Structures are given as structure tokens and as C-alpha cells.
N, C-alpha and C. Protein backbone atom coordinates (compact mmCIF):
# COMPACT_ATOMS: atom_id res chain seq x y z
N MET A 1 91.16 125.91 112.42
CA MET A 1 90.20 126.87 112.41
C MET A 1 90.28 127.83 113.56
N TYR A 2 90.46 129.11 113.04
CA TYR A 2 90.57 130.26 114.22
C TYR A 2 89.02 130.92 114.29
N SER A 3 88.68 130.93 115.53
CA SER A 3 87.39 131.62 115.82
C SER A 3 87.46 133.27 115.48
N GLN A 4 86.45 133.85 115.45
CA GLN A 4 86.61 135.51 115.23
C GLN A 4 87.10 136.19 116.28
N LYS A 5 86.96 135.63 117.38
CA LYS A 5 87.51 136.28 118.52
C LYS A 5 89.12 136.05 118.55
N VAL A 6 89.45 135.02 118.23
CA VAL A 6 90.90 134.55 118.20
C VAL A 6 91.60 135.65 117.04
N LEU A 7 90.85 135.83 115.94
CA LEU A 7 91.31 136.47 114.87
C LEU A 7 91.53 138.13 115.15
N GLU A 8 90.27 138.43 116.07
CA GLU A 8 90.30 139.88 115.91
C GLU A 8 91.45 140.36 117.08
N VAL A 9 92.18 139.46 117.66
CA VAL A 9 93.21 139.99 118.43
C VAL A 9 94.74 139.52 117.97
N LEU A 10 94.48 139.21 116.60
CA LEU A 10 95.82 139.12 116.01
C LEU A 10 96.07 140.49 115.30
N ASN A 11 97.46 140.59 115.18
CA ASN A 11 97.61 141.99 114.49
C ASN A 11 97.63 141.69 112.70
N GLY A 12 97.91 143.09 112.22
CA GLY A 12 97.65 142.74 110.67
C GLY A 12 98.49 141.76 109.94
N LYS A 13 99.78 142.05 110.47
CA LYS A 13 100.99 141.09 109.96
C LYS A 13 100.48 139.59 109.86
N MET A 14 99.90 139.32 111.31
CA MET A 14 99.55 137.67 111.51
C MET A 14 98.61 137.25 110.77
N LEU A 15 97.64 138.22 110.42
CA LEU A 15 96.25 138.08 109.66
C LEU A 15 96.77 137.91 108.12
N LYS A 16 97.62 138.50 107.62
CA LYS A 16 98.18 138.45 106.23
C LYS A 16 98.94 137.21 106.12
N GLY A 17 99.84 136.86 107.13
CA GLY A 17 100.30 135.51 107.00
C GLY A 17 99.47 134.38 106.93
N LEU A 18 98.30 134.49 107.63
CA LEU A 18 97.06 133.29 107.36
C LEU A 18 96.57 133.83 106.24
N CYS A 19 96.37 134.59 105.57
CA CYS A 19 95.51 134.83 104.57
C CYS A 19 96.62 134.17 103.25
N THR A 20 98.09 134.41 103.42
CA THR A 20 99.05 133.89 102.43
C THR A 20 99.01 132.28 102.79
N ASP A 21 99.02 131.58 103.89
CA ASP A 21 98.64 130.29 104.07
C ASP A 21 97.67 129.65 103.35
N TYR A 22 96.46 130.46 103.37
CA TYR A 22 95.24 130.07 102.86
C TYR A 22 95.06 130.18 101.39
N GLY A 23 96.13 131.04 100.74
CA GLY A 23 95.95 131.49 99.47
C GLY A 23 95.19 132.51 99.14
N LEU A 24 94.74 133.28 100.22
CA LEU A 24 93.93 134.51 99.85
C LEU A 24 94.77 135.70 99.62
N LYS A 25 94.01 136.67 99.21
CA LYS A 25 94.57 138.05 99.06
C LYS A 25 94.89 138.42 100.45
N THR A 26 95.81 139.36 100.55
CA THR A 26 96.53 140.06 101.89
C THR A 26 96.14 141.34 101.85
N SER A 27 95.92 141.89 100.73
CA SER A 27 95.19 143.35 101.03
C SER A 27 93.94 143.56 101.76
N GLY A 28 93.92 145.03 102.18
CA GLY A 28 92.66 145.35 103.02
C GLY A 28 92.87 145.58 104.25
N LYS A 29 91.90 145.97 104.99
CA LYS A 29 91.97 146.43 106.55
C LYS A 29 92.01 145.43 106.99
N LYS A 30 92.35 145.46 108.48
CA LYS A 30 92.16 144.04 109.35
C LYS A 30 90.93 143.60 109.30
N ALA A 31 89.54 144.15 109.68
CA ALA A 31 88.52 143.53 109.60
C ALA A 31 87.96 142.97 108.24
N GLU A 32 88.44 143.24 107.09
CA GLU A 32 88.24 142.79 105.83
C GLU A 32 89.07 141.44 105.83
N LEU A 33 90.45 141.36 106.44
CA LEU A 33 91.34 140.14 106.56
C LEU A 33 90.49 139.02 107.46
N VAL A 34 89.81 139.48 108.62
CA VAL A 34 89.36 138.83 109.44
C VAL A 34 88.18 138.04 108.65
N GLU A 35 87.30 139.07 108.03
CA GLU A 35 86.08 138.39 107.20
C GLU A 35 86.70 137.47 106.24
N ARG A 36 87.72 137.54 105.58
CA ARG A 36 88.17 137.00 104.36
C ARG A 36 88.54 135.42 105.05
N ILE A 37 89.33 135.33 106.25
CA ILE A 37 89.57 133.90 106.61
C ILE A 37 88.37 133.56 107.16
N ILE A 38 87.86 134.10 107.96
CA ILE A 38 86.24 133.45 108.41
C ILE A 38 85.50 132.66 107.37
N GLU A 39 85.37 133.36 106.07
CA GLU A 39 84.58 132.99 105.13
C GLU A 39 85.27 131.78 104.46
N HIS A 40 86.60 131.78 104.32
CA HIS A 40 87.48 130.66 103.90
C HIS A 40 87.38 129.66 104.72
N GLN A 41 87.51 129.69 105.87
CA GLN A 41 87.28 128.59 106.99
C GLN A 41 85.91 128.02 106.84
N GLY A 42 84.90 128.68 106.86
CA GLY A 42 83.67 128.15 106.54
C GLY A 42 83.53 127.40 105.03
N LYS A 43 84.04 127.65 104.21
CA LYS A 43 83.95 126.68 102.98
C LYS A 43 84.84 125.63 103.08
N LEU A 44 86.08 125.74 103.72
CA LEU A 44 86.89 124.46 104.15
C LEU A 44 86.10 123.62 105.11
N GLU A 45 85.29 123.94 106.06
CA GLU A 45 84.72 123.42 106.81
C GLU A 45 83.50 122.55 106.03
N LYS A 46 82.67 123.13 105.17
CA LYS A 46 81.82 122.75 104.29
C LYS A 46 82.36 121.48 103.59
N LEU A 47 83.46 121.71 102.80
CA LEU A 47 84.17 120.56 102.20
C LEU A 47 84.16 119.23 103.01
N ARG A 48 84.91 119.68 104.29
CA ARG A 48 85.11 118.73 105.06
C ARG A 48 83.98 117.80 105.45
N GLN A 49 82.60 118.49 105.69
CA GLN A 49 81.72 117.90 106.24
C GLN A 49 80.97 117.15 104.91
N ASP A 50 81.22 117.77 103.71
CA ASP A 50 80.58 117.03 102.50
C ASP A 50 81.45 115.80 102.12
N TRP A 51 82.67 116.07 102.55
CA TRP A 51 83.68 114.73 102.19
C TRP A 51 83.35 113.58 103.12
N ASN A 52 82.95 113.99 104.38
CA ASN A 52 82.70 113.00 105.42
C ASN A 52 81.36 112.23 105.25
N ALA A 53 80.44 113.12 104.55
CA ALA A 53 79.09 112.43 104.26
C ALA A 53 79.13 111.64 102.95
N ARG A 54 80.15 111.87 102.13
CA ARG A 54 80.35 111.13 101.11
C ARG A 54 80.95 109.61 101.48
N MET A 55 82.08 109.68 102.41
CA MET A 55 82.74 108.54 102.87
C MET A 55 81.93 107.56 103.74
N SER A 56 80.63 108.19 104.40
CA SER A 56 79.96 107.42 105.06
C SER A 56 78.90 106.99 103.74
N HIS A 57 78.45 107.47 103.05
CA HIS A 57 77.76 107.03 102.03
C HIS A 57 78.36 106.08 101.43
N GLY A 58 79.40 106.30 100.91
CA GLY A 58 80.30 104.96 100.23
C GLY A 58 80.28 103.95 101.04
N ALA A 59 80.67 104.06 102.28
CA ALA A 59 81.04 102.96 103.35
C ALA A 59 79.51 102.10 103.57
N SER A 60 78.43 102.66 103.10
CA SER A 60 77.15 102.03 103.62
C SER A 60 76.91 100.32 102.78
N LYS A 61 76.67 99.58 103.52
CA LYS A 61 76.61 98.21 102.76
C LYS A 61 75.35 98.23 101.88
N ARG A 62 75.36 97.59 100.66
CA ARG A 62 74.48 97.62 99.75
C ARG A 62 74.01 96.09 99.42
N ASP A 63 73.15 96.00 98.16
CA ASP A 63 72.74 94.78 97.84
C ASP A 63 74.08 93.83 97.63
N GLU A 64 73.71 92.37 97.66
CA GLU A 64 74.45 91.26 97.50
C GLU A 64 75.51 91.59 96.17
N GLU A 65 74.60 92.00 95.19
CA GLU A 65 75.21 91.96 93.68
C GLU A 65 76.16 93.49 93.67
N PHE A 66 75.93 94.56 94.16
CA PHE A 66 76.72 95.63 94.37
C PHE A 66 78.31 95.33 95.20
N GLU A 67 78.03 94.53 96.33
CA GLU A 67 79.20 94.05 96.96
C GLU A 67 80.12 93.22 96.26
N ARG A 68 79.34 92.61 95.47
CA ARG A 68 79.83 91.46 94.76
C ARG A 68 80.98 92.06 93.75
N VAL A 69 80.48 93.07 92.90
CA VAL A 69 81.00 93.75 92.10
C VAL A 69 82.09 94.58 92.79
N ILE A 70 82.18 95.16 93.87
CA ILE A 70 83.11 95.82 94.21
C ILE A 70 84.22 95.10 94.78
N GLN A 71 83.69 93.55 95.22
CA GLN A 71 84.81 92.48 95.45
C GLN A 71 85.91 91.85 94.29
N VAL A 72 85.01 92.11 93.34
CA VAL A 72 85.59 91.56 91.99
C VAL A 72 86.53 92.71 91.49
N PHE A 73 86.28 93.81 91.73
CA PHE A 73 87.14 95.25 91.73
C PHE A 73 88.24 95.14 92.29
N LYS A 74 88.23 95.04 93.71
CA LYS A 74 89.24 94.80 94.51
C LYS A 74 90.43 93.58 94.37
N GLN A 75 89.59 92.60 94.12
CA GLN A 75 90.46 91.25 93.62
C GLN A 75 91.28 91.60 92.44
N TRP A 76 90.59 92.04 91.27
CA TRP A 76 91.49 92.53 90.28
C TRP A 76 92.45 93.55 90.53
N THR A 77 92.34 94.50 91.08
CA THR A 77 93.29 95.71 91.61
C THR A 77 94.42 95.13 92.47
N ASP A 78 94.01 94.16 93.53
CA ASP A 78 95.17 93.49 94.27
C ASP A 78 96.14 92.62 93.53
N GLU A 79 95.44 91.72 92.47
CA GLU A 79 95.96 90.91 91.63
C GLU A 79 96.74 91.62 90.75
N ASN A 80 96.54 92.75 90.14
CA ASN A 80 97.23 93.52 88.92
C ASN A 80 97.92 94.53 89.19
N GLY A 81 97.90 95.41 90.49
CA GLY A 81 98.67 96.32 91.02
C GLY A 81 98.21 97.62 89.98
N PHE A 82 96.88 97.99 89.99
CA PHE A 82 96.45 99.16 89.44
C PHE A 82 95.40 99.60 90.39
N TRP A 83 95.22 101.06 90.03
CA TRP A 83 94.00 101.64 91.21
C TRP A 83 93.99 102.79 90.53
N PRO A 84 92.68 103.44 90.79
CA PRO A 84 92.06 104.79 90.06
C PRO A 84 92.74 105.75 91.24
N ALA A 85 93.51 106.82 90.66
CA ALA A 85 93.82 108.01 91.20
C ALA A 85 93.17 109.33 90.59
N LYS A 86 93.48 110.35 91.27
CA LYS A 86 92.83 111.74 90.90
C LYS A 86 93.63 112.48 91.08
N LEU A 87 93.84 113.84 90.70
CA LEU A 87 94.54 115.11 91.00
C LEU A 87 94.19 115.28 92.36
N SER A 88 95.35 115.76 92.95
CA SER A 88 95.41 116.21 94.43
C SER A 88 94.98 117.76 94.49
N GLU A 89 94.61 117.85 95.67
CA GLU A 89 94.24 119.41 96.02
C GLU A 89 95.14 120.48 95.61
N SER A 90 96.59 120.08 95.83
CA SER A 90 97.48 121.12 95.21
C SER A 90 97.45 121.09 93.68
N GLY A 91 97.11 120.20 92.89
CA GLY A 91 97.05 120.32 91.45
C GLY A 91 98.19 119.85 90.84
N VAL A 92 99.19 119.26 91.46
CA VAL A 92 100.78 118.82 91.21
C VAL A 92 100.67 117.57 91.23
N SER A 93 99.97 116.68 91.77
CA SER A 93 100.27 115.35 92.03
C SER A 93 99.00 114.58 91.99
N TYR A 94 99.30 113.24 91.97
CA TYR A 94 97.91 112.46 92.09
C TYR A 94 97.87 111.60 93.47
N GLU A 95 96.60 111.35 93.69
CA GLU A 95 96.26 110.54 94.95
C GLU A 95 95.58 109.47 94.70
N ASN A 96 95.73 108.36 95.38
CA ASN A 96 94.87 107.38 94.95
C ASN A 96 93.17 107.73 95.51
N VAL A 97 92.11 106.99 94.76
CA VAL A 97 90.84 107.40 95.06
C VAL A 97 90.33 106.48 96.25
N ASP A 98 89.77 106.95 97.32
CA ASP A 98 89.46 106.29 98.42
C ASP A 98 88.26 105.11 97.95
N ILE A 99 88.48 104.06 98.47
CA ILE A 99 87.60 103.09 98.15
C ILE A 99 86.26 103.42 98.59
N ASN A 100 85.80 104.33 99.36
CA ASN A 100 84.59 104.55 99.66
C ASN A 100 84.13 105.82 98.89
N GLU A 101 84.95 106.33 98.15
CA GLU A 101 84.57 107.41 96.90
C GLU A 101 84.09 106.61 95.88
N ILE A 102 84.75 105.47 95.63
CA ILE A 102 84.53 104.67 94.30
C ILE A 102 82.98 104.13 94.67
N ARG A 103 82.87 103.35 95.82
CA ARG A 103 81.65 102.93 96.04
C ARG A 103 80.57 103.91 96.26
N ALA A 104 80.76 105.18 96.53
CA ALA A 104 79.93 106.40 96.38
C ALA A 104 79.31 106.51 95.21
N ALA A 105 80.48 106.96 94.20
CA ALA A 105 80.21 107.08 92.89
C ALA A 105 79.56 105.90 92.14
N PHE A 106 79.85 104.60 92.59
CA PHE A 106 79.03 103.35 91.99
C PHE A 106 77.58 103.35 92.59
N ALA A 107 77.45 103.80 93.63
CA ALA A 107 76.04 103.61 94.01
C ALA A 107 75.10 104.74 93.53
N ASP A 108 75.64 105.91 93.24
CA ASP A 108 75.01 107.05 92.72
C ASP A 108 74.71 107.19 91.04
N TYR A 109 75.76 106.16 90.62
CA TYR A 109 75.61 106.41 89.09
C TYR A 109 74.17 105.87 88.67
N ASP A 110 73.70 106.53 87.59
CA ASP A 110 72.47 106.07 87.12
C ASP A 110 72.80 106.03 85.59
N PRO A 111 72.86 104.60 84.94
CA PRO A 111 73.21 104.87 83.51
C PRO A 111 72.30 105.21 82.56
N ASN A 112 70.92 105.24 83.25
CA ASN A 112 69.84 105.63 82.29
C ASN A 112 69.68 107.13 82.05
N THR A 113 70.39 107.89 82.71
CA THR A 113 70.56 109.55 82.74
C THR A 113 71.92 109.75 82.09
N SER A 114 72.74 108.70 81.53
CA SER A 114 74.11 109.02 81.36
C SER A 114 74.10 109.76 79.78
N THR A 115 74.72 110.71 79.47
CA THR A 115 74.77 111.31 78.03
C THR A 115 75.29 109.99 76.99
N LEU A 116 75.64 108.95 77.48
CA LEU A 116 76.10 107.89 76.52
C LEU A 116 74.81 107.42 75.96
N ARG A 117 73.54 107.43 76.65
CA ARG A 117 72.09 106.93 76.11
C ARG A 117 71.86 107.82 75.09
N GLU A 118 72.52 108.92 74.76
CA GLU A 118 71.97 109.55 73.65
C GLU A 118 72.57 109.19 72.33
N ASP A 119 73.68 108.05 72.50
CA ASP A 119 74.19 107.47 71.24
C ASP A 119 73.39 105.94 71.08
N SER A 120 72.78 105.73 70.11
CA SER A 120 72.10 104.74 69.93
C SER A 120 73.01 103.71 69.70
N MET A 121 74.30 103.68 69.38
CA MET A 121 75.22 102.48 69.25
C MET A 121 75.77 102.13 70.46
N VAL A 122 75.60 102.85 71.72
CA VAL A 122 76.29 102.52 72.97
C VAL A 122 74.79 101.75 73.94
N PRO A 123 75.19 100.50 73.80
CA PRO A 123 74.22 99.59 74.69
C PRO A 123 74.07 100.14 76.05
N THR A 124 72.79 100.15 76.67
CA THR A 124 72.92 100.14 78.11
C THR A 124 73.05 99.22 78.91
N PRO A 125 73.93 99.17 80.15
CA PRO A 125 74.41 97.99 80.78
C PRO A 125 73.09 97.37 81.13
N GLU A 126 73.62 96.01 81.33
CA GLU A 126 72.53 95.13 81.90
C GLU A 126 72.85 94.53 83.06
N THR A 127 74.01 94.54 83.53
CA THR A 127 74.23 94.13 84.89
C THR A 127 75.04 95.00 85.90
N LYS A 128 75.21 94.72 86.88
CA LYS A 128 75.94 95.65 87.92
C LYS A 128 77.45 96.07 87.46
N LEU A 129 77.87 94.77 87.09
CA LEU A 129 79.42 94.91 86.64
C LEU A 129 79.42 95.80 85.35
N GLU A 130 78.50 95.63 84.60
CA GLU A 130 78.69 96.74 83.40
C GLU A 130 78.30 97.95 83.83
N VAL A 131 77.20 98.46 84.67
CA VAL A 131 77.35 99.58 85.39
C VAL A 131 78.44 100.25 85.92
N PHE A 132 79.21 99.37 86.78
CA PHE A 132 80.37 99.81 87.40
C PHE A 132 81.49 100.42 86.47
N LEU A 133 81.61 99.41 85.18
CA LEU A 133 82.73 99.85 84.36
C LEU A 133 82.30 100.84 83.55
N GLU A 134 80.76 101.20 83.10
CA GLU A 134 80.74 102.11 82.49
C GLU A 134 80.79 103.58 83.58
N MET A 135 80.54 103.53 84.56
CA MET A 135 80.77 104.58 85.64
C MET A 135 82.24 104.88 85.53
N LEU A 136 83.14 103.85 85.71
CA LEU A 136 84.37 104.02 85.98
C LEU A 136 85.17 104.78 84.76
N PHE A 137 84.93 104.14 83.68
CA PHE A 137 85.45 104.78 82.42
C PHE A 137 85.05 105.57 81.56
N ASN A 138 83.74 106.01 82.01
CA ASN A 138 82.93 107.08 81.15
C ASN A 138 82.35 108.16 81.75
N ASP A 139 82.14 107.80 83.11
CA ASP A 139 81.66 108.94 83.89
C ASP A 139 82.49 109.68 84.72
N ARG A 140 83.47 109.03 85.20
CA ARG A 140 84.74 109.57 86.09
C ARG A 140 85.96 109.72 85.18
N ASP A 141 85.68 110.80 84.37
CA ASP A 141 87.17 111.18 83.43
C ASP A 141 88.10 112.11 84.49
N ASP A 142 87.61 112.24 85.67
CA ASP A 142 88.74 112.85 86.78
C ASP A 142 89.56 111.98 87.40
N TRP A 143 89.24 110.44 87.22
CA TRP A 143 90.05 109.63 87.63
C TRP A 143 90.99 108.82 86.44
N HIS A 144 91.91 108.41 87.07
CA HIS A 144 92.91 107.79 85.87
C HIS A 144 93.59 106.58 86.75
N ILE A 145 93.66 105.52 85.87
CA ILE A 145 94.20 104.29 86.55
C ILE A 145 95.60 104.03 86.18
N PHE A 146 96.27 104.23 87.61
CA PHE A 146 97.77 104.01 87.91
C PHE A 146 98.12 102.90 88.29
N ASP A 147 99.54 102.51 87.76
CA ASP A 147 100.42 101.18 88.31
C ASP A 147 100.74 101.84 89.78
N THR A 148 100.46 100.73 90.84
CA THR A 148 100.76 100.79 92.42
C THR A 148 101.86 100.05 92.80
N THR A 149 102.55 99.50 91.87
CA THR A 149 103.79 98.78 91.81
C THR A 149 104.87 99.46 91.94
N THR A 150 106.22 99.04 91.87
CA THR A 150 107.40 99.71 90.99
C THR A 150 107.62 99.21 89.89
N GLN A 151 106.84 98.75 88.94
CA GLN A 151 107.13 98.43 87.71
C GLN A 151 106.78 99.76 86.82
N GLU A 152 106.21 100.50 87.03
CA GLU A 152 106.13 101.96 86.28
C GLU A 152 105.70 101.65 84.96
N ARG A 153 104.34 100.67 85.04
CA ARG A 153 103.71 100.38 83.67
C ARG A 153 102.76 101.40 83.56
N GLU A 154 102.30 101.55 82.23
CA GLU A 154 101.29 102.58 81.78
C GLU A 154 100.01 102.03 81.43
N PHE A 155 99.08 102.41 82.01
CA PHE A 155 97.50 102.19 81.91
C PHE A 155 97.00 103.16 80.81
N ASP A 156 96.98 102.44 79.28
CA ASP A 156 96.85 103.47 78.30
C ASP A 156 96.21 102.33 77.13
N CYS A 157 95.27 103.07 76.49
CA CYS A 157 94.65 102.39 75.30
C CYS A 157 95.77 101.75 74.21
N ASP A 158 96.81 102.21 74.28
CA ASP A 158 97.90 101.62 73.24
C ASP A 158 98.86 100.67 74.02
N SER A 159 98.60 100.45 75.34
CA SER A 159 99.27 99.66 76.07
C SER A 159 98.75 97.92 76.34
N GLU A 160 99.37 97.21 76.68
CA GLU A 160 98.67 95.88 77.02
C GLU A 160 98.01 96.00 78.25
N PHE A 161 98.34 97.15 79.00
CA PHE A 161 97.10 97.54 80.21
C PHE A 161 96.38 98.65 79.80
N SER A 162 95.36 97.99 79.36
CA SER A 162 94.32 99.04 78.87
C SER A 162 92.80 98.68 79.68
N ASP A 163 92.20 99.50 79.26
CA ASP A 163 90.62 99.30 79.74
C ASP A 163 90.11 98.03 79.56
N ARG A 164 90.25 97.82 78.23
CA ARG A 164 89.87 96.31 77.75
C ARG A 164 90.59 95.23 78.48
N TRP A 165 91.69 95.32 78.69
CA TRP A 165 92.65 94.29 79.65
C TRP A 165 91.73 94.19 81.21
N MET A 166 91.67 95.22 81.45
CA MET A 166 90.81 95.63 82.94
C MET A 166 89.38 94.77 82.80
N VAL A 167 88.54 95.35 81.82
CA VAL A 167 87.35 94.79 81.68
C VAL A 167 87.43 93.32 81.69
N GLU A 168 88.28 92.76 80.73
CA GLU A 168 88.17 91.22 80.43
C GLU A 168 88.46 90.54 81.62
N GLY A 169 89.58 91.03 82.67
CA GLY A 169 89.97 90.66 83.76
C GLY A 169 89.10 90.65 84.86
N MET A 170 88.18 91.58 84.84
CA MET A 170 86.99 91.69 86.22
C MET A 170 86.07 90.68 85.30
N MET A 171 85.67 90.68 84.32
CA MET A 171 84.73 89.62 83.96
C MET A 171 85.09 88.32 83.99
N LYS A 172 86.10 88.09 84.00
CA LYS A 172 86.69 86.81 84.19
C LYS A 172 86.57 86.30 85.53
N ILE A 173 87.05 87.17 86.49
CA ILE A 173 87.01 86.86 88.11
C ILE A 173 85.22 86.93 88.26
N TYR A 174 84.67 87.89 87.82
CA TYR A 174 83.22 87.47 88.02
C TYR A 174 82.58 86.32 87.28
N ASP A 175 82.71 85.86 86.45
CA ASP A 175 82.32 84.71 85.97
C ASP A 175 82.72 83.49 86.65
N GLU A 176 83.97 83.56 87.16
CA GLU A 176 84.57 82.24 87.86
C GLU A 176 83.98 82.07 89.17
N THR A 177 83.25 83.03 89.75
CA THR A 177 82.79 83.00 91.08
C THR A 177 81.24 83.10 91.04
N THR A 178 80.52 82.60 92.27
CA THR A 178 79.18 82.65 92.20
C THR A 178 78.92 83.60 93.32
N PRO A 179 77.79 84.32 93.56
CA PRO A 179 77.42 85.23 94.54
C PRO A 179 77.69 84.33 95.89
N GLN A 180 77.19 83.04 95.98
CA GLN A 180 77.35 82.41 97.33
C GLN A 180 78.97 82.62 97.90
N GLN A 181 79.82 82.13 96.87
CA GLN A 181 81.21 82.45 97.10
C GLN A 181 81.79 83.77 97.60
N TRP A 182 80.99 84.81 97.16
CA TRP A 182 81.58 86.14 97.40
C TRP A 182 80.73 86.48 99.07
N CYS A 183 79.70 85.80 99.06
CA CYS A 183 78.86 85.96 100.36
C CYS A 183 80.08 85.29 101.51
N ALA A 184 80.32 84.09 101.21
CA ALA A 184 81.16 83.20 102.22
C ALA A 184 82.53 84.25 102.46
N THR A 185 83.18 84.64 101.56
CA THR A 185 84.48 85.30 101.48
C THR A 185 84.13 86.64 102.21
N SER A 186 82.90 87.13 102.08
CA SER A 186 82.89 88.61 102.74
C SER A 186 82.78 88.19 104.34
N TYR A 187 82.11 87.10 104.38
CA TYR A 187 81.74 87.05 106.13
C TYR A 187 82.95 86.56 106.81
N ALA A 188 83.69 85.58 105.99
CA ALA A 188 84.92 85.35 106.60
C ALA A 188 86.07 86.28 106.67
N ASN A 189 85.61 87.64 105.84
CA ASN A 189 86.96 88.62 106.12
C ASN A 189 86.41 89.53 107.09
N ARG A 190 85.17 89.83 107.62
CA ARG A 190 84.92 90.49 108.46
C ARG A 190 85.68 90.62 109.74
N ASP A 191 85.70 91.93 110.40
CA ASP A 191 86.57 92.03 111.58
C ASP A 191 85.73 91.29 112.81
């Protein structure tokens, strides 16, 4: 980030170079270039602050059932080698979704306000695990599940590695453990 003072001492060629680096228009007078860069840097700072707030919100510990669902999800992903990814800032590649972004999305998801409730054939989730799965597969259409191993398996509805397979696997893990086991595991794994 460059301060306005610093930008004002740079020559036009340098300012145009910064505009190019930021993907901004390079036309205009020096004062316009400075203003354009300052405005863009302000937007970048706002995005950074929003991201940090989102990560902090996601990292907050929640009720026992919420944490149990997250542990089930993490165990399933560890055992099976799949993880959600999203389009990167560049728009040409994918990057893994941060666990705290997943936690924040789960914490914020309200199935009662979902457009899915407009369809009388779609049942309302009854458990936190069902809420998580609805959020993951229906609310977050910008996330895609990818193989994180070297096997290059495709996660697809026409594949053996499908959302149904994931749901069944997570439900099996969930059903085979009790909340007390998750609490004991969570406390044992703390730093």
C-alpha cells in the first residue's frame, strides 16, 4: 500500500506502472492516476479486513453439535482425500477453501431462509449434520469438491465419488460416534 504522499512524488510512468500492476486504467493526468490507485488500495484494504473478520468469525468455537459436525467433515475429508475448492482471485485456477471459511458459512447458514423451502418436496434439515450438508451442496455453488491426492479422481454425480457417497460416508462417521467421543477427541487434540 502506498500513501498519497508517496504516490504524489512518483512520476507518471511509475504511476502508470502501478495502475498496470493493479489492473487499472492507465490513462489520465497524474492526479487522476493517484486518485485511482488510492481508491483501489482502499478497496483492497476493505477486502482484507472483511476476510480477516470472516476468518475470525469462522474460528470461533460453537456449540458441541456444531463442533461435532465439523469434526465429522474433517475426518471424512482426511480419510477420503477430497476437499472443497473455489475459483482463485485470478479466475484461472482453484484454491482450497479455508476451514474457517467453511465454519463461517455453516455458522451463518439458516435453512429456514433458503430458497429450497419454496419447494414442498425438499425436506427441512432436522439435524446440524443435515444443515451442514444442505449448506455445502446447495448454498455454496461457488465451491467444488476436488481430489487432494495424486489419484486424480473426479467428484461428480456420475462418478462413484459423488455427493451421495460423501453424505453416506459422513453419516456413517456421525452415527458411529457419540458426542462424548468427539469431546474427548477435541480436548486431546488441543495445543
